[in-house]
Amino acid sequence: MGDQLARLVDFAALPNTVLQVAPFDMGDRRPLSLPLYVLTTPSRSLLSYAESAHRGQLERETASVVPLLTAYHQLQAEALSQAESVAMINQLRKGTP
């Protein structure tokens, strides 16, 4: 686990990445419960791909993708900043909650 946490800290230090942790205690404020990918094609259309333990779902209809994108933006706004996320990860690496 320590190596995985160290890798996240290294990832956050890269110039082209952003790492934000959404703590479990966000509870109901966490709008997404499954992994979600939102893709923008070269023609600027949106696609989403959500995955569960049983299947994956690719959505091409804008009317279905936009609410997912909105939920993603809500999660991004509620999650810890990158600095706070890295601090939390470093605390976990030290074994302090």
C-alpha atoms as a PDB file:
ATOM      1  CA  MET A   1       0.000   0.000   0.000  1.00  0.00           C
ATOM      2  CA  GLY A   2       2.857   2.346   0.803  1.00  0.00           C
ATOM      3  CA  ASP A   3       4.214   2.031  -2.745  1.00  0.00           C
ATOM      4  CA  GLN A   4       0.791   2.797  -4.208  1.00  0.00           C
ATOM      5  CA  LEU A   5       0.430   5.908  -2.060  1.00  0.00           C
ATOM      6  CA  ALA A   6       3.938   7.022  -3.052  1.00  0.00           C
ATOM      7  CA  ARG A   7       3.002   6.572  -6.698  1.00  0.00           C
ATOM      8  CA  LEU A   8      -0.018   8.843  -6.239  1.00  0.00           C
ATOM      9  CA  VAL A   9       2.189  11.552  -4.741  1.00  0.00           C
ATOM     10  CA  ASP A  10       4.594  11.185  -7.689  1.00  0.00           C
ATOM     11  CA  PHE A  11       1.648  11.367 -10.104  1.00  0.00           C
ATOM     12  CA  ALA A  12       0.429  14.597  -8.498  1.00  0.00           C
ATOM     13  CA  ALA A  13       3.863  16.157  -9.060  1.00  0.00           C
ATOM     14  CA  LEU A  14       3.674  15.702 -12.834  1.00  0.00           C
ATOM     15  CA  PRO A  15       3.081  18.964 -14.718  1.00  0.00           C
ATOM     16  CA  ASN A  16       0.143  17.688 -16.782  1.00  0.00           C
ATOM     17  CA  THR A  17      -1.929  16.006 -14.065  1.00  0.00           C
ATOM     18  CA  VAL A  18      -4.339  16.910 -11.300  1.00  0.00           C
ATOM     19  CA  LEU A  19      -4.986  14.608  -8.370  1.00  0.00           C
ATOM     20  CA  GLN A  20      -8.015  15.180  -6.163  1.00  0.00           C
ATOM     21  CA  VAL A  21      -9.254  12.845  -3.447  1.00  0.00           C
ATOM     22  CA  ALA A  22     -12.962  12.612  -2.718  1.00  0.00           C
ATOM     23  CA  PRO A  23     -12.993  11.374   0.893  1.00  0.00           C
ATOM     24  CA  PHE A  24     -15.455   8.670   1.821  1.00  0.00           C
ATOM     25  CA  ASP A  25     -16.965  10.946   4.459  1.00  0.00           C
ATOM     26  CA  MET A  26     -18.399  13.148   1.697  1.00  0.00           C
ATOM     27  CA  GLY A  27     -21.322  10.730   1.931  1.00  0.00           C
ATOM     28  CA  ASP A  28     -24.360  11.892  -0.045  1.00  0.00           C
ATOM     29  CA  ARG A  29     -22.441  14.849  -1.456  1.00  0.00           C
ATOM     30  CA  ARG A  30     -20.543  12.331  -3.611  1.00  0.00           C
ATOM     31  CA  PRO A  31     -22.677  12.306  -6.797  1.00  0.00           C
ATOM     32  CA  LEU A  32     -20.977   9.352  -8.503  1.00  0.00           C
ATOM     33  CA  SER A  33     -20.563   5.839  -7.174  1.00  0.00           C
ATOM     34  CA  LEU A  34     -18.991   4.131 -10.216  1.00  0.00           C
ATOM     35  CA  PRO A  35     -15.892   4.843 -12.286  1.00  0.00           C
ATOM     36  CA  LEU A  36     -16.818   7.289 -15.036  1.00  0.00           C
ATOM     37  CA  TYR A  37     -14.940   8.468 -18.101  1.00  0.00           C
ATOM     38  CA  VAL A  38     -16.142  11.504 -20.046  1.00  0.00           C
ATOM     39  CA  LEU A  39     -14.571  11.838 -23.465  1.00  0.00           C
ATOM     40  CA  THR A  40     -14.594  14.715 -25.927  1.00  0.00           C
ATOM     41  CA  THR A  41     -14.131  13.688 -29.552  1.00  0.00           C
ATOM     42  CA  PRO A  42     -12.263  15.798 -32.136  1.00  0.00           C
ATOM     43  CA  SER A  43     -15.676  16.986 -33.382  1.00  0.00           C
ATOM     44  CA  ARG A  44     -16.382  18.213 -29.793  1.00  0.00           C
ATOM     45  CA  SER A  45     -19.161  15.694 -29.148  1.00  0.00           C
ATOM     46  CA  LEU A  46     -19.283  14.083 -25.706  1.00  0.00           C
ATOM     47  CA  LEU A  47     -19.244  10.390 -24.812  1.00  0.00           C
ATOM     48  CA  SER A  48     -19.347   8.752 -21.424  1.00  0.00           C
ATOM     49  CA  TYR A  49     -18.313   5.324 -20.273  1.00  0.00           C
ATOM     50  CA  ALA A  50     -19.392   3.992 -16.880  1.00  0.00           C
ATOM     51  CA  GLU A  51     -18.338   0.643 -15.526  1.00  0.00           C
ATOM     52  CA  SER A  52     -19.738  -1.628 -12.842  1.00  0.00           C
ATOM     53  CA  ALA A  53     -18.778  -5.097 -11.650  1.00  0.00           C
ATOM     54  CA  HIS A  54     -21.162  -6.610 -14.188  1.00  0.00           C
ATOM     55  CA  ARG A  55     -20.942  -4.445 -17.307  1.00  0.00           C
ATOM     56  CA  GLY A  56     -19.768  -1.294 -18.999  1.00  0.00           C
ATOM     57  CA  GLN A  57     -22.052   1.314 -20.543  1.00  0.00           C
ATOM     58  CA  LEU A  58     -21.002   3.605 -23.403  1.00  0.00           C
ATOM     59  CA  GLU A  59     -23.340   6.566 -23.862  1.00  0.00           C
ATOM     60  CA  ARG A  60     -23.335   8.710 -26.993  1.00  0.00           C
ATOM     61  CA  GLU A  61     -26.493  10.766 -26.481  1.00  0.00           C
ATOM     62  CA  THR A  62     -25.688  14.284 -25.307  1.00  0.00           C
ATOM     63  CA  ALA A  63     -28.878  14.383 -23.222  1.00  0.00           C
ATOM     64  CA  SER A  64     -27.542  11.436 -21.201  1.00  0.00           C
ATOM     65  CA  VAL A  65     -23.909  12.546 -21.053  1.00  0.00           C
ATOM     66  CA  VAL A  66     -24.416  16.150 -19.878  1.00  0.00           C
ATOM     67  CA  PRO A  67     -25.964  15.175 -16.487  1.00  0.00           C
ATOM     68  CA  LEU A  68     -23.001  12.855 -15.881  1.00  0.00           C
ATOM     69  CA  LEU A  69     -20.593  15.654 -16.755  1.00  0.00           C
ATOM     70  CA  THR A  70     -22.458  17.946 -14.362  1.00  0.00           C
ATOM     71  CA  ALA A  71     -22.190  15.326 -11.601  1.00  0.00           C
ATOM     72  CA  TYR A  72     -18.468  14.989 -12.334  1.00  0.00           C
ATOM     73  CA  HIS A  73     -17.997  18.755 -12.010  1.00  0.00           C
ATOM     74  CA  GLN A  74     -19.907  18.708  -8.703  1.00  0.00           C
ATOM     75  CA  LEU A  75     -17.599  15.976  -7.439  1.00  0.00           C
ATOM     76  CA  GLN A  76     -14.553  17.926  -8.582  1.00  0.00           C
ATOM     77  CA  ALA A  77     -15.768  21.026  -6.727  1.00  0.00           C
ATOM     78  CA  GLU A  78     -16.440  19.068  -3.504  1.00  0.00           C
ATOM     79  CA  ALA A  79     -13.245  16.991  -3.538  1.00  0.00           C
ATOM     80  CA  LEU A  80     -10.088  18.028  -1.740  1.00  0.00           C
ATOM     81  CA  SER A  81      -7.711  20.317  -3.606  1.00  0.00           C
ATOM     82  CA  GLN A  82      -4.558  18.750  -4.999  1.00  0.00           C
ATOM     83  CA  ALA A  83      -2.491  20.140  -2.113  1.00  0.00           C
ATOM     84  CA  GLU A  84      -5.004  18.827   0.454  1.00  0.00           C
ATOM     85  CA  SER A  85      -5.158  15.470  -1.351  1.00  0.00           C
ATOM     86  CA  VAL A  86      -1.367  15.085  -1.313  1.00  0.00           C
ATOM     87  CA  ALA A  87      -1.284  16.085   2.357  1.00  0.00           C
ATOM     88  CA  MET A  88      -3.924  13.457   3.158  1.00  0.00           C
ATOM     89  CA  ILE A  89      -2.001  10.790   1.245  1.00  0.00           C
ATOM     90  CA  ASN A  90       1.238  11.719   3.025  1.00  0.00           C
ATOM     91  CA  GLN A  91      -0.546  11.445   6.399  1.00  0.00           C
ATOM     92  CA  LEU A  92      -1.725   7.967   5.440  1.00  0.00           C
ATOM     93  CA  ARG A  93       1.813   7.055   4.402  1.00  0.00           C
ATOM     94  CA  LYS A  94       3.023   8.066   7.874  1.00  0.00           C
ATOM     95  CA  GLY A  95       0.262   5.995   9.474  1.00  0.00           C
ATOM     96  CA  THR A  96      -1.633   8.911  11.001  1.00  0.00           C
ATOM     97  CA  PRO A  97      -5.344   9.384  10.224  1.00  0.00           C
END
